[in-house]
C-alpha atoms as a PDB file:
ATOM      1  CA  MET A   1      -0.156   0.219  -0.301  1.00  0.00           C
ATOM      2  CA  PHE A   2       1.437   3.149  -1.004  1.00  0.00           C
ATOM      3  CA  GLN A   3       1.451   5.989   2.083  1.00  0.00           C
ATOM      4  CA  PRO A   4       2.684   9.462   1.234  1.00  0.00           C
ATOM      5  CA  PRO A   5       5.563  10.885   2.395  1.00  0.00           C
ATOM      6  CA  ARG A   6       4.607  12.062   5.796  1.00  0.00           C
ATOM      7  CA  ASN A   7       4.424  16.385   6.439  1.00  0.00           C
ATOM      8  CA  SER A   8       5.223  17.485   9.981  1.00  0.00           C
ATOM      9  CA  SER A   9       5.385  21.326   8.857  1.00  0.00           C
ATOM     10  CA  LEU A  10       2.304  22.597  10.913  1.00  0.00           C
ATOM     11  CA  VAL A  11       0.306  25.187   9.127  1.00  0.00           C
ATOM     12  CA  LEU A  12      -1.485  28.262  10.740  1.00  0.00           C
ATOM     13  CA  HIS A  13      -5.055  27.998  11.663  1.00  0.00           C
ATOM     14  CA  GLU A  14      -5.006  24.105  11.891  1.00  0.00           C
ATOM     15  CA  VAL A  15      -6.203  22.388  14.832  1.00  0.00           C
ATOM     16  CA  TYR A  16      -3.387  19.736  15.210  1.00  0.00           C
ATOM     17  CA  PHE A  17      -3.239  16.615  17.718  1.00  0.00           C
ATOM     18  CA  TRP A  18       0.635  17.024  18.731  1.00  0.00           C
ATOM     19  CA  THR A  19       2.943  15.257  20.805  1.00  0.00           C
ATOM     20  CA  ALA A  20       6.616  16.372  22.250  1.00  0.00           C
ATOM     21  CA  THR A  21       8.576  13.534  23.605  1.00  0.00           C
ATOM     22  CA  ILE A  22      11.675  14.198  26.555  1.00  0.00           C
ATOM     23  CA  LYS A  23      15.150  13.396  25.091  1.00  0.00           C
ATOM     24  CA  ASP A  24      15.393   9.174  25.456  1.00  0.00           C
ATOM     25  CA  TRP A  25      11.752   9.362  27.221  1.00  0.00           C
ATOM     26  CA  LYS A  26      13.229  10.204  30.531  1.00  0.00           C
ATOM     27  CA  LEU A  27      10.623  10.994  33.066  1.00  0.00           C
ATOM     28  CA  LEU A  28      11.556  14.414  33.815  1.00  0.00           C
ATOM     29  CA  LEU A  29       7.945  15.759  33.788  1.00  0.00           C
ATOM     30  CA  ASP A  30       6.834  13.354  37.207  1.00  0.00           C
ATOM     31  CA  GLN A  31       8.180  16.912  38.817  1.00  0.00           C
ATOM     32  CA  ALA A  32       4.890  19.040  39.198  1.00  0.00           C
ATOM     33  CA  LYS A  33       7.260  22.161  39.239  1.00  0.00           C
ATOM     34  CA  TYR A  34       8.109  21.457  35.380  1.00  0.00           C
ATOM     35  CA  LYS A  35       4.452  20.508  34.236  1.00  0.00           C
ATOM     36  CA  GLN A  36       3.889  24.057  35.913  1.00  0.00           C
ATOM     37  CA  VAL A  37       6.231  25.248  33.114  1.00  0.00           C
ATOM     38  CA  ILE A  38       4.425  23.482  30.890  1.00  0.00           C
ATOM     39  CA  VAL A  39       1.214  24.877  31.514  1.00  0.00           C
ATOM     40  CA  ASP A  40       2.754  28.694  32.485  1.00  0.00           C
ATOM     41  CA  THR A  41       4.295  28.802  28.571  1.00  0.00           C
ATOM     42  CA  LEU A  42       0.825  27.480  27.369  1.00  0.00           C
ATOM     43  CA  THR A  43      -0.561  29.935  29.360  1.00  0.00           C
ATOM     44  CA  GLU A  44       1.533  32.734  27.729  1.00  0.00           C
ATOM     45  CA  LEU A  45       0.925  31.733  24.226  1.00  0.00           C
ATOM     46  CA  THR A  46      -2.554  31.928  24.525  1.00  0.00           C
ATOM     47  CA  ILE A  47      -2.789  35.132  25.984  1.00  0.00           C
ATOM     48  CA  ARG A  48      -0.490  36.743  23.430  1.00  0.00           C
ATOM     49  CA  ASN A  49      -3.077  35.236  21.164  1.00  0.00           C
ATOM     50  CA  LEU A  50      -0.770  32.926  19.178  1.00  0.00           C
ATOM     51  CA  ILE A  51      -2.235  29.476  19.765  1.00  0.00           C
ATOM     52  CA  ARG A  52      -6.193  27.810  20.755  1.00  0.00           C
ATOM     53  CA  VAL A  53      -5.903  24.682  23.223  1.00  0.00           C
ATOM     54  CA  TYR A  54      -8.425  22.701  23.109  1.00  0.00           C
ATOM     55  CA  GLY A  55      -7.026  19.901  25.277  1.00  0.00           C
ATOM     56  CA  PHE A  56      -3.368  18.495  26.493  1.00  0.00           C
ATOM     57  CA  VAL A  57      -1.935  16.087  28.660  1.00  0.00           C
ATOM     58  CA  ILE A  58       1.020  15.972  30.379  1.00  0.00           C
ATOM     59  CA  MET A  59       2.662  12.331  30.915  1.00  0.00           C
ATOM     60  CA  PRO A  60       6.181  11.682  32.724  1.00  0.00           C
ATOM     61  CA  ASN A  61       7.560  11.530  29.676  1.00  0.00           C
ATOM     62  CA  HIS A  62       5.756  13.554  27.113  1.00  0.00           C
ATOM     63  CA  ILE A  63       3.063  15.845  26.170  1.00  0.00           C
ATOM     64  CA  HIS A  64       0.322  16.042  24.126  1.00  0.00           C
ATOM     65  CA  LEU A  65      -1.373  19.118  22.637  1.00  0.00           C
ATOM     66  CA  LEU A  66      -4.738  19.758  21.097  1.00  0.00           C
ATOM     67  CA  TRP A  67      -4.199  23.094  19.387  1.00  0.00           C
ATOM     68  CA  GLU A  68      -4.492  25.081  16.729  1.00  0.00           C
ATOM     69  CA  LEU A  69      -1.328  27.472  16.032  1.00  0.00           C
ATOM     70  CA  ILE A  70      -2.669  31.223  15.644  1.00  0.00           C
ATOM     71  CA  ALA A  71       0.097  33.249  15.055  1.00  0.00           C
ATOM     72  CA  MET A  72       3.730  33.286  14.409  1.00  0.00           C
ATOM     73  CA  ASN A  73       5.709  34.137  17.237  1.00  0.00           C
ATOM     74  CA  GLY A  74       8.480  36.550  15.637  1.00  0.00           C
ATOM     75  CA  LYS A  75      10.410  34.429  13.150  1.00  0.00           C
ATOM     76  CA  GLU A  76       9.435  30.944  15.088  1.00  0.00           C
ATOM     77  CA  LYS A  77       5.645  28.996  14.968  1.00  0.00           C
ATOM     78  CA  PRO A  78       4.402  28.659  18.568  1.00  0.00           C
ATOM     79  CA  HIS A  79       5.518  24.831  18.958  1.00  0.00           C
ATOM     80  CA  ALA A  80       9.096  25.752  18.698  1.00  0.00           C
ATOM     81  CA  SER A  81       8.411  29.055  21.033  1.00  0.00           C
ATOM     82  CA  LEU A  82       6.735  26.358  23.196  1.00  0.00           C
ATOM     83  CA  VAL A  83      10.038  23.432  23.267  1.00  0.00           C
ATOM     84  CA  LYS A  84      12.150  26.511  23.283  1.00  0.00           C
ATOM     85  CA  LYS A  85      11.132  28.502  26.522  1.00  0.00           C
ATOM     86  CA  THR A  86      10.169  25.165  28.537  1.00  0.00           C
ATOM     87  CA  ALA A  87      13.316  23.518  27.483  1.00  0.00           C
ATOM     88  CA  HIS A  88      15.301  26.909  28.592  1.00  0.00           C
ATOM     89  CA  LEU A  89      13.309  27.172  32.275  1.00  0.00           C
ATOM     90  CA  ILE A  90      13.913  22.981  32.933  1.00  0.00           C
ATOM     91  CA  VAL A  91      17.226  23.574  31.881  1.00  0.00           C
ATOM     92  CA  LYS A  92      18.036  26.183  34.158  1.00  0.00           C
ATOM     93  CA  ASP A  93      16.043  24.728  37.335  1.00  0.00           C
ATOM     94  CA  LEU A  94      18.381  21.679  36.561  1.00  0.00           C
ATOM     95  CA  LYS A  95      21.475  23.744  36.511  1.00  0.00           C
ATOM     96  CA  LEU A  96      20.301  25.294  39.602  1.00  0.00           C
ATOM     97  CA  ASN A  97      18.543  22.481  41.607  1.00  0.00           C
ATOM     98  CA  HIS A  98      20.147  18.673  39.917  1.00  0.00           C
ATOM     99  CA  PRO A  99      23.188  19.480  38.394  1.00  0.00           C
ATOM    100  CA  ARG A 100      23.423  15.499  38.525  1.00  0.00           C
ATOM    101  CA  VAL A 101      20.968  15.252  36.293  1.00  0.00           C
ATOM    102  CA  LEU A 102      21.829  17.852  33.878  1.00  0.00           C
ATOM    103  CA  PRO A 103      24.366  15.668  31.961  1.00  0.00           C
ATOM    104  CA  TYR A 104      21.605  13.259  30.689  1.00  0.00           C
ATOM    105  CA  PHE A 105      20.796  15.946  28.692  1.00  0.00           C
ATOM    106  CA  LYS A 106      23.975  17.169  27.597  1.00  0.00           C
ATOM    107  CA  VAL A 107      24.440  16.706  23.452  1.00  0.00           C
ATOM    108  CA  ASN A 108      27.238  17.335  21.101  1.00  0.00           C
ATOM    109  CA  ASP A 109      25.556  20.073  19.186  1.00  0.00           C
ATOM    110  CA  ARG A 110      26.794  23.324  17.655  1.00  0.00           C
ATOM    111  CA  THR A 111      23.503  25.463  18.246  1.00  0.00           C
ATOM    112  CA  ARG A 112      22.774  24.088  21.791  1.00  0.00           C
ATOM    113  CA  ALA A 113      24.454  22.668  24.638  1.00  0.00           C
ATOM    114  CA  PHE A 114      21.397  20.523  26.378  1.00  0.00           C
ATOM    115  CA  ARG A 115      18.792  18.955  24.159  1.00  0.00           C
ATOM    116  CA  ILE A 116      15.278  18.648  26.748  1.00  0.00           C
ATOM    117  CA  TRP A 117      12.595  17.875  23.817  1.00  0.00           C
END
């Protein structure tokens, strides 16, 4: 059976079921403070009229969203803003409060030192 190539780009004003997974399926999101980082970021993007959230679930190692991307956040789409901001805040907390966990998220990448998602 023929399957067309997967198109993973998100288009504004479409509703998507979208998933983001923590690197290597680590159980990072079992801590309430990291769930709150996600909820706060979703709230901020909603208030700024960049997204509309219809539903979401936060699992210990991934999130599912049913949402609509409404507007660009500068040059990036809102899903990029979500993972970028949450990753930044989580790394900041890990450096401060859980430095022994941080090496699990270290990457050899010229664009970033750590990868959360």
